[in-house]
Amino acid sequence: MSFAPGCLGADAYLSVALLIMAVAVSFVAVTQAGATRRIESSGQLDNFLVRPYSRTRWLSEQLLLGGGAVISAGLLAGLSTWAGAAWITPT
């Protein structure tokens, strides 16, 4: 059974590799969201918020950190795929 008709060889490998990278990048996002939830539910956040630091600011920084990690992982996956394809493709 073929997932994409006419997709053979390097194209098939590249499509599967990109699928695996997309799953890995989504794991980064899920892990970051889970860590944020764990910190808040375990009470560790309360120890941090006794200082003059708002919960909204903390959450926005966590979201920016998670978003930056996902964007960085996506860019790294895309650039490494491009570099690999450029290295293999004859000029």
N, C-alpha and C. Protein backbone atom coordinates (compact mmCIF):
# COMPACT_ATOMS: atom_id res chain seq x y z
N MET A 1 0.84 -1.17 0.00
CA MET A 1 0.00 0.00 0.00
C MET A 1 0.89 1.24 0.00
N SER A 2 0.58 2.18 -0.83
CA SER A 2 1.36 3.41 -0.94
C SER A 2 0.56 4.57 -0.37
N PHE A 3 1.23 5.42 0.41
CA PHE A 3 0.56 6.58 0.99
C PHE A 3 0.35 7.67 -0.06
N ALA A 4 1.33 7.85 -0.92
CA ALA A 4 1.23 8.85 -1.97
C ALA A 4 1.57 8.17 -3.29
N PRO A 5 0.61 8.05 -4.18
CA PRO A 5 0.88 7.39 -5.45
C PRO A 5 1.99 8.11 -6.21
N GLY A 6 2.94 7.37 -6.70
CA GLY A 6 4.03 7.94 -7.45
C GLY A 6 5.16 8.46 -6.58
N CYS A 7 5.06 8.30 -5.29
CA CYS A 7 6.08 8.78 -4.36
C CYS A 7 7.02 7.62 -4.05
N LEU A 8 8.20 7.67 -4.65
CA LEU A 8 9.15 6.58 -4.49
C LEU A 8 10.50 7.11 -4.05
N GLY A 9 11.31 6.23 -3.51
CA GLY A 9 12.69 6.55 -3.21
C GLY A 9 12.87 7.68 -2.23
N ALA A 10 13.65 8.67 -2.66
CA ALA A 10 14.01 9.79 -1.79
C ALA A 10 12.78 10.61 -1.38
N ASP A 11 11.80 10.75 -2.28
CA ASP A 11 10.60 11.51 -1.93
C ASP A 11 9.82 10.82 -0.81
N ALA A 12 9.73 9.50 -0.88
CA ALA A 12 9.03 8.75 0.16
C ALA A 12 9.77 8.86 1.49
N TYR A 13 11.09 8.73 1.43
CA TYR A 13 11.89 8.85 2.66
C TYR A 13 11.76 10.24 3.26
N LEU A 14 11.81 11.25 2.43
CA LEU A 14 11.70 12.63 2.91
C LEU A 14 10.34 12.89 3.54
N SER A 15 9.29 12.36 2.96
CA SER A 15 7.96 12.58 3.52
C SER A 15 7.82 11.90 4.88
N VAL A 16 8.37 10.71 5.03
CA VAL A 16 8.32 10.03 6.32
C VAL A 16 9.21 10.75 7.34
N ALA A 17 10.38 11.21 6.91
CA ALA A 17 11.27 11.94 7.82
C ALA A 17 10.61 13.22 8.31
N LEU A 18 9.94 13.95 7.43
CA LEU A 18 9.24 15.17 7.84
C LEU A 18 8.08 14.87 8.78
N LEU A 19 7.41 13.75 8.57
CA LEU A 19 6.34 13.35 9.47
C LEU A 19 6.90 13.07 10.86
N ILE A 20 8.02 12.37 10.94
CA ILE A 20 8.63 12.07 12.23
C ILE A 20 9.09 13.36 12.90
N MET A 21 9.65 14.30 12.13
CA MET A 21 10.08 15.57 12.71
C MET A 21 8.89 16.38 13.21
N ALA A 22 7.77 16.33 12.50
CA ALA A 22 6.58 17.05 12.94
C ALA A 22 6.06 16.49 14.26
N VAL A 23 6.12 15.17 14.41
CA VAL A 23 5.71 14.56 15.67
C VAL A 23 6.66 14.97 16.79
N ALA A 24 7.96 15.00 16.51
CA ALA A 24 8.94 15.40 17.52
C ALA A 24 8.73 16.86 17.94
N VAL A 25 8.44 17.73 17.00
CA VAL A 25 8.19 19.14 17.32
C VAL A 25 6.91 19.28 18.15
N SER A 26 5.90 18.48 17.85
CA SER A 26 4.67 18.54 18.65
C SER A 26 4.91 18.02 20.06
N PHE A 27 5.83 17.07 20.23
CA PHE A 27 6.19 16.61 21.57
C PHE A 27 6.83 17.73 22.38
N VAL A 28 7.59 18.59 21.74
CA VAL A 28 8.18 19.74 22.43
C VAL A 28 7.07 20.63 23.00
N ALA A 29 6.06 20.89 22.20
CA ALA A 29 4.96 21.75 22.66
C ALA A 29 4.17 21.10 23.78
N VAL A 30 3.90 19.82 23.65
CA VAL A 30 3.12 19.12 24.67
C VAL A 30 3.91 19.03 25.98
N THR A 31 5.20 18.78 25.89
CA THR A 31 6.03 18.70 27.08
C THR A 31 6.09 20.04 27.79
N GLN A 32 6.21 21.11 27.05
CA GLN A 32 6.26 22.44 27.66
C GLN A 32 4.94 22.77 28.33
N ALA A 33 3.83 22.44 27.70
CA ALA A 33 2.52 22.70 28.31
C ALA A 33 2.34 21.85 29.56
N GLY A 34 2.77 20.60 29.51
CA GLY A 34 2.67 19.74 30.68
C GLY A 34 3.54 20.22 31.83
N ALA A 35 4.73 20.72 31.53
CA ALA A 35 5.61 21.24 32.58
C ALA A 35 4.99 22.48 33.22
N THR A 36 4.39 23.33 32.42
CA THR A 36 3.74 24.54 32.96
C THR A 36 2.60 24.14 33.90
N ARG A 37 1.82 23.17 33.48
CA ARG A 37 0.69 22.71 34.31
C ARG A 37 1.19 22.04 35.59
N ARG A 38 2.26 21.25 35.49
CA ARG A 38 2.80 20.55 36.65
C ARG A 38 3.34 21.55 37.68
N ILE A 39 4.03 22.58 37.21
CA ILE A 39 4.58 23.59 38.12
C ILE A 39 3.45 24.30 38.87
N GLU A 40 2.36 24.59 38.16
CA GLU A 40 1.26 25.31 38.80
C GLU A 40 0.48 24.40 39.75
N SER A 41 0.24 23.17 39.37
CA SER A 41 -0.58 22.29 40.21
C SER A 41 0.17 21.73 41.41
N SER A 42 1.49 21.65 41.36
CA SER A 42 2.25 21.10 42.48
C SER A 42 2.51 22.12 43.58
N GLY A 43 2.21 23.35 43.34
CA GLY A 43 2.41 24.38 44.36
C GLY A 43 3.75 25.07 44.26
N GLN A 44 4.58 24.69 43.33
CA GLN A 44 5.88 25.33 43.18
C GLN A 44 5.73 26.78 42.71
N LEU A 45 4.68 27.05 41.98
CA LEU A 45 4.46 28.40 41.48
C LEU A 45 4.14 29.36 42.63
N ASP A 46 3.44 28.86 43.65
CA ASP A 46 3.09 29.72 44.79
C ASP A 46 4.35 30.22 45.49
N ASN A 47 5.37 29.38 45.58
CA ASN A 47 6.62 29.82 46.20
C ASN A 47 7.30 30.90 45.38
N PHE A 48 7.14 30.84 44.07
CA PHE A 48 7.74 31.84 43.19
C PHE A 48 6.95 33.14 43.20
N LEU A 49 5.63 33.04 43.35
CA LEU A 49 4.77 34.22 43.25
C LEU A 49 4.65 35.00 44.55
N VAL A 50 5.36 34.62 45.60
CA VAL A 50 5.34 35.45 46.82
C VAL A 50 6.09 36.74 46.59
N ARG A 51 6.94 36.76 45.59
CA ARG A 51 7.61 38.00 45.20
C ARG A 51 6.63 38.84 44.38
N PRO A 52 6.96 40.10 44.15
CA PRO A 52 6.06 40.93 43.32
C PRO A 52 6.17 40.52 41.85
N TYR A 53 5.54 39.45 41.50
CA TYR A 53 5.61 38.89 40.15
C TYR A 53 4.23 38.35 39.84
N SER A 54 3.62 38.81 38.77
CA SER A 54 2.24 38.42 38.50
C SER A 54 2.16 37.07 37.80
N ARG A 55 1.07 36.41 38.02
CA ARG A 55 0.82 35.11 37.38
C ARG A 55 0.70 35.28 35.86
N THR A 56 0.12 36.39 35.44
CA THR A 56 -0.01 36.65 34.00
C THR A 56 1.35 36.80 33.35
N ARG A 57 2.25 37.50 34.00
CA ARG A 57 3.60 37.66 33.46
C ARG A 57 4.32 36.32 33.39
N TRP A 58 4.18 35.51 34.44
CA TRP A 58 4.81 34.18 34.45
C TRP A 58 4.28 33.31 33.32
N LEU A 59 2.94 33.30 33.16
CA LEU A 59 2.34 32.48 32.12
C LEU A 59 2.74 32.97 30.73
N SER A 60 2.79 34.29 30.53
CA SER A 60 3.18 34.80 29.22
C SER A 60 4.64 34.44 28.90
N GLU A 61 5.50 34.46 29.93
CA GLU A 61 6.89 34.05 29.70
C GLU A 61 6.99 32.56 29.38
N GLN A 62 6.16 31.75 30.03
CA GLN A 62 6.15 30.31 29.74
C GLN A 62 5.66 30.06 28.31
N LEU A 63 4.65 30.81 27.89
CA LEU A 63 4.14 30.67 26.52
C LEU A 63 5.17 31.11 25.49
N LEU A 64 5.87 32.20 25.78
CA LEU A 64 6.92 32.66 24.87
C LEU A 64 8.07 31.65 24.80
N LEU A 65 8.42 31.08 25.93
CA LEU A 65 9.47 30.06 25.96
C LEU A 65 9.06 28.83 25.16
N GLY A 66 7.82 28.38 25.36
CA GLY A 66 7.32 27.23 24.61
C GLY A 66 7.21 27.51 23.13
N GLY A 67 6.71 28.68 22.79
CA GLY A 67 6.60 29.06 21.38
C GLY A 67 7.96 29.17 20.72
N GLY A 68 8.91 29.75 21.45
CA GLY A 68 10.27 29.84 20.91
C GLY A 68 10.90 28.49 20.71
N ALA A 69 10.64 27.56 21.64
CA ALA A 69 11.18 26.21 21.50
C ALA A 69 10.58 25.49 20.30
N VAL A 70 9.29 25.65 20.10
CA VAL A 70 8.63 25.00 18.95
C VAL A 70 9.12 25.60 17.64
N ILE A 71 9.24 26.92 17.59
CA ILE A 71 9.73 27.57 16.37
C ILE A 71 11.17 27.17 16.09
N SER A 72 12.00 27.14 17.12
CA SER A 72 13.39 26.73 16.94
C SER A 72 13.51 25.29 16.47
N ALA A 73 12.73 24.41 17.08
CA ALA A 73 12.76 23.00 16.67
C ALA A 73 12.26 22.84 15.23
N GLY A 74 11.22 23.57 14.87
CA GLY A 74 10.71 23.51 13.50
C GLY A 74 11.70 24.04 12.49
N LEU A 75 12.35 25.16 12.82
CA LEU A 75 13.37 25.70 11.92
C LEU A 75 14.56 24.76 11.79
N LEU A 76 14.99 24.17 12.89
CA LEU A 76 16.09 23.22 12.84
C LEU A 76 15.73 22.01 11.99
N ALA A 77 14.51 21.51 12.14
CA ALA A 77 14.08 20.37 11.34
C ALA A 77 14.01 20.74 9.85
N GLY A 78 13.45 21.90 9.55
CA GLY A 78 13.36 22.32 8.16
C GLY A 78 14.71 22.59 7.52
N LEU A 79 15.59 23.26 8.24
CA LEU A 79 16.92 23.55 7.70
C LEU A 79 17.75 22.29 7.52
N SER A 80 17.64 21.36 8.48
CA SER A 80 18.40 20.12 8.32
C SER A 80 17.85 19.28 7.16
N THR A 81 16.55 19.31 6.96
CA THR A 81 15.97 18.60 5.81
C THR A 81 16.42 19.24 4.51
N TRP A 82 16.40 20.57 4.46
CA TRP A 82 16.86 21.27 3.26
C TRP A 82 18.32 20.98 2.98
N ALA A 83 19.15 21.01 4.02
CA ALA A 83 20.58 20.76 3.83
C ALA A 83 20.82 19.33 3.36
N GLY A 84 20.09 18.38 3.93
CA GLY A 84 20.24 16.99 3.50
C GLY A 84 19.80 16.78 2.07
N ALA A 85 18.69 17.41 1.68
CA ALA A 85 18.20 17.28 0.31
C ALA A 85 19.17 17.97 -0.68
N ALA A 86 19.70 19.11 -0.28
CA ALA A 86 20.65 19.82 -1.16
C ALA A 86 21.96 19.05 -1.30
N TRP A 87 22.35 18.35 -0.26
CA TRP A 87 23.59 17.57 -0.29
C TRP A 87 23.46 16.35 -1.20
N ILE A 88 22.27 15.74 -1.19
CA ILE A 88 22.06 14.53 -1.97
C ILE A 88 21.74 14.84 -3.42
N THR A 89 20.99 15.91 -3.68
CA THR A 89 20.56 16.25 -5.03
C THR A 89 21.74 16.65 -5.89
N PRO A 90 21.89 16.01 -7.05
CA PRO A 90 23.01 16.40 -7.93
C PRO A 90 22.78 17.79 -8.53
N THR A 91 23.87 18.49 -8.73
CA THR A 91 23.76 19.85 -9.28
C THR A 91 23.78 19.84 -10.78
